[in-house]
Amino acid sequence: MIEVMELDKLKREFLEYLEIEKGRSLKTIANYERYLNRFIDFSGVNRPKDIDDENVRRFRLWLNRQPGVESELKKNTQNYHLIALRVFLKYLEKRGVTSLAATKIELAKVQARELDLIGPEDLARLLVAPEGSNEKALRDKAILELLFSTGLRVSELCNLNHDSVNLNKDEFSVRGKGEKVRLVFLSSEAKSAVKTYLNKRTDMEEAMFINLKNKANNNDSSDRLTPRSVERIIKFYAIKVGISKKVTPHTLRHSFATDLLQNGADIRSVQMMLGHSSISTTQIYTHVTDEHLRDIHKHFHRREIRQG
């Protein structure tokens, strides 16, 4: 076993391993580096074999006492640090480097995640909120329909190019988290909205969804819409149609998933369409379908006896 090796060097090689062999995004790698640096700086360890139960325990205690974060989010943030450390320890074990066993790292328990869902009536009103035939209204209509039809993450939507979607087909490929490619599908409404919007475009910009203010002002900054811009667009239309709840691009992704499950889709298929690497991530939606099944049971079970 390799016992003596500088921790900084191993950390750098680990991050390179994530980038090259695991295909992780640069953003993910930056997050892993930040979480590992916090542990190393706090614990003061400089050799892998110095990582032990006690300095991990003290690090967890320190994380738990950091102020200014809501408790539920705080637990999730703690787990991000612990996951990064656990993956690093697995990497060390794979290389034969003596250190704490990755299995010793247990994650903090978190409350079940609450979904930011809106009802079908609100969803229907949101999808038709952009009115008119100008380029902005057509762009915004295409954004809403595409998000609900495909379950795209907002970053995936913003990265789409003019030629990303073949409108002769009802499906296209998208590159998501971890550079993984998956197939998503267009509803007839989304296909029509995207086609109408693209036919209205007269520019030569590569991006599918562009910032029209930059275009109008001949601004040199990027014309591609940012995730923040899409969030503002959706918030605007939610307020316009009188939805009191907070509505985000992720709300439409949640609505996409629950719509499929409530109408009979199996959870494995929904997992693939959402691009979740783990089925446990998709299972946050099961309590929604449980409620749906409860309503069905209440309405149909022992119906003839009740009526009799």
C-alpha atoms as a PDB file:
ATOM      1  CA  MET A   1       0.000   0.000   0.000  1.00  0.00           C
ATOM      2  CA  ILE A   2       1.120   3.572  -0.717  1.00  0.00           C
ATOM      3  CA  GLU A   3       1.249   5.462   2.573  1.00  0.00           C
ATOM      4  CA  VAL A   4       3.291   8.601   1.983  1.00  0.00           C
ATOM      5  CA  MET A   5       2.090  10.944  -0.745  1.00  0.00           C
ATOM      6  CA  GLU A   6       1.206  14.602  -0.583  1.00  0.00           C
ATOM      7  CA  LEU A   7      -2.515  15.189  -0.264  1.00  0.00           C
ATOM      8  CA  ASP A   8      -2.505  18.219  -2.588  1.00  0.00           C
ATOM      9  CA  LYS A   9      -0.928  16.183  -5.384  1.00  0.00           C
ATOM     10  CA  LEU A  10      -3.461  13.382  -4.951  1.00  0.00           C
ATOM     11  CA  LYS A  11      -6.310  15.879  -4.873  1.00  0.00           C
ATOM     12  CA  ARG A  12      -5.123  17.442  -8.139  1.00  0.00           C
ATOM     13  CA  GLU A  13      -4.835  14.022  -9.793  1.00  0.00           C
ATOM     14  CA  PHE A  14      -8.302  13.118  -8.466  1.00  0.00           C
ATOM     15  CA  LEU A  15      -9.833  16.230 -10.038  1.00  0.00           C
ATOM     16  CA  GLU A  16      -8.086  15.432 -13.328  1.00  0.00           C
ATOM     17  CA  TYR A  17      -9.472  11.881 -13.083  1.00  0.00           C
ATOM     18  CA  LEU A  18     -12.996  13.284 -12.687  1.00  0.00           C
ATOM     19  CA  GLU A  19     -12.543  15.474 -15.740  1.00  0.00           C
ATOM     20  CA  ILE A  20     -10.850  13.025 -18.090  1.00  0.00           C
ATOM     21  CA  GLU A  21     -12.023   9.549 -17.099  1.00  0.00           C
ATOM     22  CA  LYS A  22     -15.388  10.327 -15.527  1.00  0.00           C
ATOM     23  CA  GLY A  23     -16.347  13.160 -17.884  1.00  0.00           C
ATOM     24  CA  ARG A  24     -17.570  15.448 -15.105  1.00  0.00           C
ATOM     25  CA  SER A  25     -18.351  19.053 -16.006  1.00  0.00           C
ATOM     26  CA  LEU A  26     -15.918  21.818 -15.042  1.00  0.00           C
ATOM     27  CA  LYS A  27     -18.572  23.236 -12.697  1.00  0.00           C
ATOM     28  CA  THR A  28     -18.858  19.900 -10.866  1.00  0.00           C
ATOM     29  CA  ILE A  29     -15.077  19.639 -10.603  1.00  0.00           C
ATOM     30  CA  ALA A  30     -14.870  23.169  -9.186  1.00  0.00           C
ATOM     31  CA  ASN A  31     -17.474  22.236  -6.561  1.00  0.00           C
ATOM     32  CA  TYR A  32     -15.571  19.073  -5.583  1.00  0.00           C
ATOM     33  CA  GLU A  33     -12.377  21.080  -5.257  1.00  0.00           C
ATOM     34  CA  ARG A  34     -14.059  23.678  -3.046  1.00  0.00           C
ATOM     35  CA  TYR A  35     -15.576  21.044  -0.745  1.00  0.00           C
ATOM     36  CA  LEU A  36     -12.311  19.108  -0.427  1.00  0.00           C
ATOM     37  CA  ASN A  37     -10.344  22.302   0.226  1.00  0.00           C
ATOM     38  CA  ARG A  38     -12.683  23.143   3.090  1.00  0.00           C
ATOM     39  CA  PHE A  39     -12.057  19.770   4.685  1.00  0.00           C
ATOM     40  CA  ILE A  40      -8.295  19.948   4.193  1.00  0.00           C
ATOM     41  CA  ASP A  41      -8.060  23.523   5.478  1.00  0.00           C
ATOM     42  CA  PHE A  42     -10.229  22.750   8.499  1.00  0.00           C
ATOM     43  CA  SER A  43      -8.576  19.458   9.462  1.00  0.00           C
ATOM     44  CA  GLY A  44      -5.011  20.516   8.673  1.00  0.00           C
ATOM     45  CA  VAL A  45      -4.172  17.070   7.278  1.00  0.00           C
ATOM     46  CA  ASN A  46      -1.467  16.825   4.638  1.00  0.00           C
ATOM     47  CA  ARG A  47      -1.231  13.047   4.209  1.00  0.00           C
ATOM     48  CA  PRO A  48      -4.015  10.632   3.217  1.00  0.00           C
ATOM     49  CA  LYS A  49      -3.354   8.389   6.197  1.00  0.00           C
ATOM     50  CA  ASP A  50      -4.034  11.323   8.530  1.00  0.00           C
ATOM     51  CA  ILE A  51      -7.706  11.403   7.477  1.00  0.00           C
ATOM     52  CA  ASP A  52      -9.565   9.584  10.236  1.00  0.00           C
ATOM     53  CA  ASP A  53     -12.934   9.284  11.950  1.00  0.00           C
ATOM     54  CA  GLU A  54     -12.127  12.030  14.437  1.00  0.00           C
ATOM     55  CA  ASN A  55     -11.203  14.812  12.025  1.00  0.00           C
ATOM     56  CA  VAL A  56     -14.191  13.908   9.830  1.00  0.00           C
ATOM     57  CA  ARG A  57     -16.426  14.039  12.928  1.00  0.00           C
ATOM     58  CA  ARG A  58     -15.074  17.488  13.901  1.00  0.00           C
ATOM     59  CA  PHE A  59     -15.493  18.721  10.313  1.00  0.00           C
ATOM     60  CA  ARG A  60     -19.129  17.602  10.283  1.00  0.00           C
ATOM     61  CA  LEU A  61     -19.724  19.356  13.579  1.00  0.00           C
ATOM     62  CA  TRP A  62     -18.164  22.536  12.191  1.00  0.00           C
ATOM     63  CA  LEU A  63     -20.331  22.366   9.049  1.00  0.00           C
ATOM     64  CA  ASN A  64     -23.442  21.842  11.145  1.00  0.00           C
ATOM     65  CA  ARG A  65     -22.735  24.984  13.164  1.00  0.00           C
ATOM     66  CA  GLN A  66     -22.187  27.305  10.234  1.00  0.00           C
ATOM     67  CA  PRO A  67     -24.698  30.191  10.486  1.00  0.00           C
ATOM     68  CA  GLY A  68     -26.986  31.807   7.972  1.00  0.00           C
ATOM     69  CA  VAL A  69     -28.421  28.801   6.163  1.00  0.00           C
ATOM     70  CA  GLU A  70     -31.881  27.238   6.536  1.00  0.00           C
ATOM     71  CA  SER A  71     -31.659  23.878   8.256  1.00  0.00           C
ATOM     72  CA  GLU A  72     -32.926  21.689   5.394  1.00  0.00           C
ATOM     73  CA  LEU A  73     -30.662  23.292   2.816  1.00  0.00           C
ATOM     74  CA  LYS A  74     -27.878  23.192   5.352  1.00  0.00           C
ATOM     75  CA  LYS A  75     -28.129  19.400   5.652  1.00  0.00           C
ATOM     76  CA  ASN A  76     -27.979  19.084   1.877  1.00  0.00           C
ATOM     77  CA  THR A  77     -24.926  21.356   1.776  1.00  0.00           C
ATOM     78  CA  GLN A  78     -23.248  19.225   4.441  1.00  0.00           C
ATOM     79  CA  ASN A  79     -23.901  16.169   2.310  1.00  0.00           C
ATOM     80  CA  TYR A  80     -22.302  17.783  -0.754  1.00  0.00           C
ATOM     81  CA  HIS A  81     -19.089  18.130   1.275  1.00  0.00           C
ATOM     82  CA  LEU A  82     -19.316  14.550   2.523  1.00  0.00           C
ATOM     83  CA  ILE A  83     -20.047  13.127  -0.925  1.00  0.00           C
ATOM     84  CA  ALA A  84     -16.984  14.882  -2.337  1.00  0.00           C
ATOM     85  CA  LEU A  85     -14.837  13.475   0.462  1.00  0.00           C
ATOM     86  CA  ARG A  86     -16.314   9.989   0.052  1.00  0.00           C
ATOM     87  CA  VAL A  87     -15.685   9.929  -3.707  1.00  0.00           C
ATOM     88  CA  PHE A  88     -12.115  11.126  -3.081  1.00  0.00           C
ATOM     89  CA  LEU A  89     -11.552   8.339  -0.545  1.00  0.00           C
ATOM     90  CA  LYS A  90     -12.872   5.764  -3.019  1.00  0.00           C
ATOM     91  CA  TYR A  91     -10.382   7.102  -5.557  1.00  0.00           C
ATOM     92  CA  LEU A  92      -7.534   6.749  -3.030  1.00  0.00           C
ATOM     93  CA  GLU A  93      -8.611   3.182  -2.273  1.00  0.00           C
ATOM     94  CA  LYS A  94      -8.652   2.392  -5.991  1.00  0.00           C
ATOM     95  CA  ARG A  95      -5.071   3.617  -6.255  1.00  0.00           C
ATOM     96  CA  GLY A  96      -3.962   1.636  -3.215  1.00  0.00           C
ATOM     97  CA  VAL A  97      -3.393   4.707  -1.056  1.00  0.00           C
ATOM     98  CA  THR A  98      -3.834   4.178   2.700  1.00  0.00           C
ATOM     99  CA  SER A  99      -6.569   6.375   4.114  1.00  0.00           C
ATOM    100  CA  LEU A 100      -9.961   6.270   5.823  1.00  0.00           C
ATOM    101  CA  ALA A 101     -12.394   3.810   4.231  1.00  0.00           C
ATOM    102  CA  ALA A 102     -15.021   5.582   2.130  1.00  0.00           C
ATOM    103  CA  THR A 103     -17.719   3.434   3.750  1.00  0.00           C
ATOM    104  CA  LYS A 104     -17.051   5.222   7.052  1.00  0.00           C
ATOM    105  CA  ILE A 105     -18.574   8.422   5.628  1.00  0.00           C
ATOM    106  CA  GLU A 106     -22.306   8.483   6.357  1.00  0.00           C
ATOM    107  CA  LEU A 107     -24.512  11.232   4.985  1.00  0.00           C
ATOM    108  CA  ALA A 108     -26.697  13.437   7.148  1.00  0.00           C
ATOM    109  CA  LYS A 109     -30.403  12.599   7.108  1.00  0.00           C
ATOM    110  CA  VAL A 110     -32.476  15.186   5.283  1.00  0.00           C
ATOM    111  CA  GLN A 111     -36.185  15.812   5.141  1.00  0.00           C
ATOM    112  CA  ALA A 112     -38.093  14.601   2.106  1.00  0.00           C
ATOM    113  CA  ARG A 113     -37.827  17.177  -0.638  1.00  0.00           C
ATOM    114  CA  GLU A 114     -40.931  19.209  -1.354  1.00  0.00           C
ATOM    115  CA  LEU A 115     -41.720  19.721  -5.026  1.00  0.00           C
ATOM    116  CA  ASP A 116     -42.582  23.172  -6.297  1.00  0.00           C
ATOM    117  CA  LEU A 117     -45.603  21.981  -8.267  1.00  0.00           C
ATOM    118  CA  ILE A 118     -48.504  23.948  -9.705  1.00  0.00           C
ATOM    119  CA  GLY A 119     -51.955  22.573 -10.477  1.00  0.00           C
ATOM    120  CA  PRO A 120     -53.090  21.609 -13.981  1.00  0.00           C
ATOM    121  CA  GLU A 121     -55.287  24.709 -14.278  1.00  0.00           C
ATOM    122  CA  ASP A 122     -52.400  27.029 -13.412  1.00  0.00           C
ATOM    123  CA  LEU A 123     -50.108  25.117 -15.749  1.00  0.00           C
ATOM    124  CA  ALA A 124     -52.581  25.432 -18.631  1.00  0.00           C
ATOM    125  CA  ARG A 125     -52.873  29.191 -18.078  1.00  0.00           C
ATOM    126  CA  LEU A 126     -49.097  29.577 -17.883  1.00  0.00           C
ATOM    127  CA  LEU A 127     -48.500  27.788 -21.181  1.00  0.00           C
ATOM    128  CA  VAL A 128     -50.801  30.176 -23.079  1.00  0.00           C
ATOM    129  CA  ALA A 129     -49.662  33.309 -21.217  1.00  0.00           C
ATOM    130  CA  PRO A 130     -47.380  34.675 -23.996  1.00  0.00           C
ATOM    131  CA  GLU A 131     -49.734  36.480 -26.370  1.00  0.00           C
ATOM    132  CA  GLY A 132     -49.118  37.981 -29.780  1.00  0.00           C
ATOM    133  CA  SER A 133     -47.111  37.176 -32.875  1.00  0.00           C
ATOM    134  CA  ASN A 134     -43.999  39.244 -32.182  1.00  0.00           C
ATOM    135  CA  GLU A 135     -40.658  37.517 -31.745  1.00  0.00           C
ATOM    136  CA  LYS A 136     -40.579  37.863 -27.951  1.00  0.00           C
ATOM    137  CA  ALA A 137     -44.017  36.301 -27.447  1.00  0.00           C
ATOM    138  CA  LEU A 138     -43.202  33.457 -29.844  1.00  0.00           C
ATOM    139  CA  ARG A 139     -39.817  32.873 -28.152  1.00  0.00           C
ATOM    140  CA  ASP A 140     -41.370  32.779 -24.691  1.00  0.00           C
ATOM    141  CA  LYS A 141     -44.165  30.460 -25.842  1.00  0.00           C
ATOM    142  CA  ALA A 142     -41.552  28.090 -27.311  1.00  0.00           C
ATOM    143  CA  ILE A 143     -39.557  28.156 -24.054  1.00  0.00           C
ATOM    144  CA  LEU A 144     -42.578  27.234 -21.923  1.00  0.00           C
ATOM    145  CA  GLU A 145     -43.806  24.490 -24.238  1.00  0.00           C
ATOM    146  CA  LEU A 146     -40.331  23.023 -24.685  1.00  0.00           C
ATOM    147  CA  LEU A 147     -39.629  22.894 -20.950  1.00  0.00           C
ATOM    148  CA  PHE A 148     -42.924  21.143 -20.224  1.00  0.00           C
ATOM    149  CA  SER A 149     -42.685  18.787 -23.211  1.00  0.00           C
ATOM    150  CA  THR A 150     -39.126  17.597 -22.570  1.00  0.00           C
ATOM    151  CA  GLY A 151     -38.361  18.099 -18.871  1.00  0.00           C
ATOM    152  CA  LEU A 152     -35.152  19.880 -19.843  1.00  0.00           C
ATOM    153  CA  ARG A 153     -33.031  21.510 -17.172  1.00  0.00           C
ATOM    154  CA  VAL A 154     -32.828  25.266 -17.696  1.00  0.00           C
ATOM    155  CA  SER A 155     -29.091  25.020 -18.441  1.00  0.00           C
ATOM    156  CA  GLU A 156     -29.807  22.408 -21.118  1.00  0.00           C
ATOM    157  CA  LEU A 157     -32.462  24.648 -22.661  1.00  0.00           C
ATOM    158  CA  CYS A 158     -30.092  27.629 -22.759  1.00  0.00           C
ATOM    159  CA  ASN A 159     -27.350  25.537 -24.397  1.00  0.00           C
ATOM    160  CA  LEU A 160     -29.579  24.522 -27.322  1.00  0.00           C
ATOM    161  CA  ASN A 161     -28.500  25.789 -30.728  1.00  0.00           C
ATOM    162  CA  HIS A 162     -30.553  26.707 -33.764  1.00  0.00           C
ATOM    163  CA  ASP A 163     -29.869  23.302 -35.304  1.00  0.00           C
ATOM    164  CA  SER A 164     -30.221  21.270 -32.076  1.00  0.00           C
ATOM    165  CA  VAL A 165     -33.821  20.316 -32.805  1.00  0.00           C
ATOM    166  CA  ASN A 166     -34.776  18.577 -36.017  1.00  0.00           C
ATOM    167  CA  LEU A 167     -38.390  19.625 -36.519  1.00  0.00           C
ATOM    168  CA  ASN A 168     -38.916  16.828 -39.012  1.00  0.00           C
ATOM    169  CA  LYS A 169     -38.791  14.462 -36.042  1.00  0.00           C
ATOM    170  CA  ASP A 170     -40.499  14.425 -32.649  1.00  0.00           C
ATOM    171  CA  GLU A 171     -37.316  13.792 -30.694  1.00  0.00           C
ATOM    172  CA  PHE A 172     -33.796  15.110 -30.265  1.00  0.00           C
ATOM    173  CA  SER A 173     -30.690  14.432 -28.197  1.00  0.00           C
ATOM    174  CA  VAL A 174     -29.472  16.678 -25.413  1.00  0.00           C
ATOM    175  CA  ARG A 175     -26.203  16.633 -23.483  1.00  0.00           C
ATOM    176  CA  GLY A 176     -26.937  16.904 -19.772  1.00  0.00           C
ATOM    177  CA  LYS A 177     -25.114  16.551 -16.464  1.00  0.00           C
ATOM    178  CA  GLY A 178     -21.849  14.655 -16.621  1.00  0.00           C
ATOM    179  CA  GLU A 179     -21.849  15.114 -20.401  1.00  0.00           C
ATOM    180  CA  LYS A 180     -24.406  12.306 -20.651  1.00  0.00           C
ATOM    181  CA  VAL A 181     -26.532  12.297 -23.792  1.00  0.00           C
ATOM    182  CA  ARG A 182     -30.214  11.410 -23.577  1.00  0.00           C
ATOM    183  CA  LEU A 183     -33.205  11.456 -25.860  1.00  0.00           C
ATOM    184  CA  VAL A 184     -36.073  13.888 -25.234  1.00  0.00           C
ATOM    185  CA  PHE A 185     -39.391  14.118 -27.011  1.00  0.00           C
ATOM    186  CA  LEU A 186     -41.471  16.923 -28.495  1.00  0.00           C
ATOM    187  CA  SER A 187     -45.201  17.204 -28.041  1.00  0.00           C
ATOM    188  CA  SER A 188     -47.135  18.526 -31.024  1.00  0.00           C
ATOM    189  CA  GLU A 189     -47.673  21.792 -29.115  1.00  0.00           C
ATOM    190  CA  ALA A 190     -43.952  22.224 -28.414  1.00  0.00           C
ATOM    191  CA  LYS A 191     -43.006  21.307 -31.963  1.00  0.00           C
ATOM    192  CA  SER A 192     -45.442  23.873 -33.371  1.00  0.00           C
ATOM    193  CA  ALA A 193     -44.300  26.598 -30.949  1.00  0.00           C
ATOM    194  CA  VAL A 194     -40.606  26.079 -31.724  1.00  0.00           C
ATOM    195  CA  LYS A 195     -41.252  25.998 -35.470  1.00  0.00           C
ATOM    196  CA  THR A 196     -43.297  29.212 -35.396  1.00  0.00           C
ATOM    197  CA  TYR A 197     -40.627  30.952 -33.322  1.00  0.00           C
ATOM    198  CA  LEU A 198     -37.714  29.867 -35.522  1.00  0.00           C
ATOM    199  CA  ASN A 199     -39.593  30.901 -38.676  1.00  0.00           C
ATOM    200  CA  LYS A 200     -39.905  34.373 -37.182  1.00  0.00           C
ATOM    201  CA  ARG A 201     -36.163  34.657 -36.608  1.00  0.00           C
ATOM    202  CA  THR A 202     -34.203  36.662 -39.192  1.00  0.00           C
ATOM    203  CA  ASP A 203     -30.812  36.768 -37.432  1.00  0.00           C
ATOM    204  CA  MET A 204     -27.846  34.465 -37.889  1.00  0.00           C
ATOM    205  CA  GLU A 205     -27.247  33.731 -34.199  1.00  0.00           C
ATOM    206  CA  GLU A 206     -26.280  30.157 -33.325  1.00  0.00           C
ATOM    207  CA  ALA A 207     -28.264  30.043 -30.065  1.00  0.00           C
ATOM    208  CA  MET A 208     -31.859  28.860 -30.213  1.00  0.00           C
ATOM    209  CA  PHE A 209     -33.052  31.253 -27.513  1.00  0.00           C
ATOM    210  CA  ILE A 210     -31.558  34.721 -27.665  1.00  0.00           C
ATOM    211  CA  ASN A 211     -31.668  37.897 -25.597  1.00  0.00           C
ATOM    212  CA  LEU A 212     -33.741  40.267 -27.704  1.00  0.00           C
ATOM    213  CA  LYS A 213     -32.647  43.330 -25.722  1.00  0.00           C
ATOM    214  CA  ASN A 214     -29.037  42.703 -26.691  1.00  0.00           C
ATOM    215  CA  LYS A 215     -30.107  42.164 -30.281  1.00  0.00           C
ATOM    216  CA  ALA A 216     -32.141  45.392 -30.387  1.00  0.00           C
ATOM    217  CA  ASN A 217     -29.334  47.432 -28.813  1.00  0.00           C
ATOM    218  CA  ASN A 218     -26.570  45.838 -30.912  1.00  0.00           C
ATOM    219  CA  ASN A 219     -24.981  44.826 -27.632  1.00  0.00           C
ATOM    220  CA  ASP A 220     -21.646  43.027 -27.915  1.00  0.00           C
ATOM    221  CA  SER A 221     -22.463  40.715 -25.002  1.00  0.00           C
ATOM    222  CA  SER A 222     -23.654  37.179 -25.671  1.00  0.00           C
ATOM    223  CA  ASP A 223     -27.071  36.958 -27.305  1.00  0.00           C
ATOM    224  CA  ARG A 224     -27.732  33.528 -25.785  1.00  0.00           C
ATOM    225  CA  LEU A 225     -30.339  33.622 -23.022  1.00  0.00           C
ATOM    226  CA  THR A 226     -28.946  32.775 -19.592  1.00  0.00           C
ATOM    227  CA  PRO A 227     -30.688  30.546 -17.017  1.00  0.00           C
ATOM    228  CA  ARG A 228     -31.327  33.655 -14.924  1.00  0.00           C
ATOM    229  CA  SER A 229     -33.056  35.326 -17.873  1.00  0.00           C
ATOM    230  CA  VAL A 230     -35.304  32.290 -18.390  1.00  0.00           C
ATOM    231  CA  GLU A 231     -36.171  32.332 -14.676  1.00  0.00           C
ATOM    232  CA  ARG A 232     -37.246  35.974 -14.985  1.00  0.00           C
ATOM    233  CA  ILE A 233     -39.332  35.220 -18.084  1.00  0.00           C
ATOM    234  CA  ILE A 234     -41.236  32.415 -16.349  1.00  0.00           C
ATOM    235  CA  LYS A 235     -41.735  34.481 -13.206  1.00  0.00           C
ATOM    236  CA  PHE A 236     -43.185  37.300 -15.333  1.00  0.00           C
ATOM    237  CA  TYR A 237     -45.792  35.063 -16.970  1.00  0.00           C
ATOM    238  CA  ALA A 238     -46.672  33.321 -13.687  1.00  0.00           C
ATOM    239  CA  ILE A 239     -47.475  36.711 -12.137  1.00  0.00           C
ATOM    240  CA  LYS A 240     -49.315  37.782 -15.297  1.00  0.00           C
ATOM    241  CA  VAL A 241     -51.783  34.880 -15.078  1.00  0.00           C
ATOM    242  CA  GLY A 242     -52.205  35.211 -11.320  1.00  0.00           C
ATOM    243  CA  ILE A 243     -50.234  32.252  -9.986  1.00  0.00           C
ATOM    244  CA  SER A 244     -49.378  33.076  -6.388  1.00  0.00           C
ATOM    245  CA  LYS A 245     -46.825  30.294  -5.905  1.00  0.00           C
ATOM    246  CA  LYS A 246     -43.206  30.674  -6.950  1.00  0.00           C
ATOM    247  CA  VAL A 247     -42.776  29.263 -10.466  1.00  0.00           C
ATOM    248  CA  THR A 248     -39.354  28.445 -11.923  1.00  0.00           C
ATOM    249  CA  PRO A 249     -38.013  26.467 -14.900  1.00  0.00           C
ATOM    250  CA  HIS A 250     -37.638  23.541 -12.509  1.00  0.00           C
ATOM    251  CA  THR A 251     -41.355  23.757 -11.728  1.00  0.00           C
ATOM    252  CA  LEU A 252     -42.037  22.818 -15.361  1.00  0.00           C
ATOM    253  CA  ARG A 253     -39.534  19.959 -15.105  1.00  0.00           C
ATOM    254  CA  HIS A 254     -41.362  18.685 -12.019  1.00  0.00           C
ATOM    255  CA  SER A 255     -44.705  19.096 -13.789  1.00  0.00           C
ATOM    256  CA  PHE A 256     -43.361  17.105 -16.750  1.00  0.00           C
ATOM    257  CA  ALA A 257     -42.349  14.203 -14.501  1.00  0.00           C
ATOM    258  CA  THR A 258     -45.527  14.100 -12.411  1.00  0.00           C
ATOM    259  CA  ASP A 259     -47.696  14.376 -15.521  1.00  0.00           C
ATOM    260  CA  LEU A 260     -46.035  11.259 -16.945  1.00  0.00           C
ATOM    261  CA  LEU A 261     -46.256   9.276 -13.708  1.00  0.00           C
ATOM    262  CA  GLN A 262     -49.855  10.197 -12.982  1.00  0.00           C
ATOM    263  CA  ASN A 263     -50.820   9.063 -16.447  1.00  0.00           C
ATOM    264  CA  GLY A 264     -49.230   5.637 -16.067  1.00  0.00           C
ATOM    265  CA  ALA A 265     -45.569   5.979 -17.085  1.00  0.00           C
ATOM    266  CA  ASP A 266     -43.176   3.755 -15.150  1.00  0.00           C
ATOM    267  CA  ILE A 267     -40.561   5.410 -12.979  1.00  0.00           C
ATOM    268  CA  ARG A 268     -37.585   3.895 -14.843  1.00  0.00           C
ATOM    269  CA  SER A 269     -38.703   5.516 -18.095  1.00  0.00           C
ATOM    270  CA  VAL A 270     -39.196   8.853 -16.348  1.00  0.00           C
ATOM    271  CA  GLN A 271     -35.719   8.511 -14.838  1.00  0.00           C
ATOM    272  CA  MET A 272     -34.235   8.138 -18.320  1.00  0.00           C
ATOM    273  CA  MET A 273     -36.207  11.073 -19.727  1.00  0.00           C
ATOM    274  CA  LEU A 274     -35.122  13.328 -16.862  1.00  0.00           C
ATOM    275  CA  GLY A 275     -31.492  12.246 -17.153  1.00  0.00           C
ATOM    276  CA  HIS A 276     -31.202  11.150 -13.513  1.00  0.00           C
ATOM    277  CA  SER A 277     -28.193   8.919 -12.920  1.00  0.00           C
ATOM    278  CA  SER A 278     -29.884   7.323  -9.890  1.00  0.00           C
ATOM    279  CA  ILE A 279     -33.447   6.055  -9.551  1.00  0.00           C
ATOM    280  CA  SER A 280     -33.484   7.411  -5.984  1.00  0.00           C
ATOM    281  CA  THR A 281     -33.464  10.961  -7.384  1.00  0.00           C
ATOM    282  CA  THR A 282     -36.550  10.226  -9.461  1.00  0.00           C
ATOM    283  CA  GLN A 283     -38.317   8.691  -6.472  1.00  0.00           C
ATOM    284  CA  ILE A 284     -38.982  12.158  -5.014  1.00  0.00           C
ATOM    285  CA  TYR A 285     -42.017  12.113  -7.306  1.00  0.00           C
ATOM    286  CA  THR A 286     -43.531   8.915  -5.945  1.00  0.00           C
ATOM    287  CA  HIS A 287     -45.406  10.615  -3.096  1.00  0.00           C
ATOM    288  CA  VAL A 288     -47.228  12.685  -5.717  1.00  0.00           C
ATOM    289  CA  THR A 289     -48.343   9.568  -7.555  1.00  0.00           C
ATOM    290  CA  ASP A 290     -49.216   7.950  -4.209  1.00  0.00           C
ATOM    291  CA  GLU A 291     -51.679  10.808  -3.622  1.00  0.00           C
ATOM    292  CA  HIS A 292     -53.084  10.237  -7.102  1.00  0.00           C
ATOM    293  CA  LEU A 293     -53.556   6.524  -6.376  1.00  0.00           C
ATOM    294  CA  ARG A 294     -55.194   7.383  -3.056  1.00  0.00           C
ATOM    295  CA  ASP A 295     -57.755   9.529  -4.856  1.00  0.00           C
ATOM    296  CA  ILE A 296     -58.452   6.711  -7.330  1.00  0.00           C
ATOM    297  CA  HIS A 297     -58.866   4.226  -4.486  1.00  0.00           C
ATOM    298  CA  LYS A 298     -61.219   6.534  -2.630  1.00  0.00           C
ATOM    299  CA  HIS A 299     -63.298   7.170  -5.735  1.00  0.00           C
ATOM    300  CA  PHE A 300     -63.552   3.633  -7.141  1.00  0.00           C
ATOM    301  CA  HIS A 301     -63.064   1.131  -4.289  1.00  0.00           C
ATOM    302  CA  ARG A 302     -66.294  -0.463  -2.973  1.00  0.00           C
ATOM    303  CA  ARG A 303     -68.250   1.805  -5.297  1.00  0.00           C
ATOM    304  CA  GLU A 304     -71.106  -0.619  -5.852  1.00  0.00           C
ATOM    305  CA  ILE A 305     -71.426  -1.287  -2.122  1.00  0.00           C
ATOM    306  CA  ARG A 306     -71.536   2.413  -1.353  1.00  0.00           C
ATOM    307  CA  GLN A 307     -74.140   3.048  -4.043  1.00  0.00           C
ATOM    308  CA  GLY A 308     -76.184   0.104  -2.902  1.00  0.00           C
END
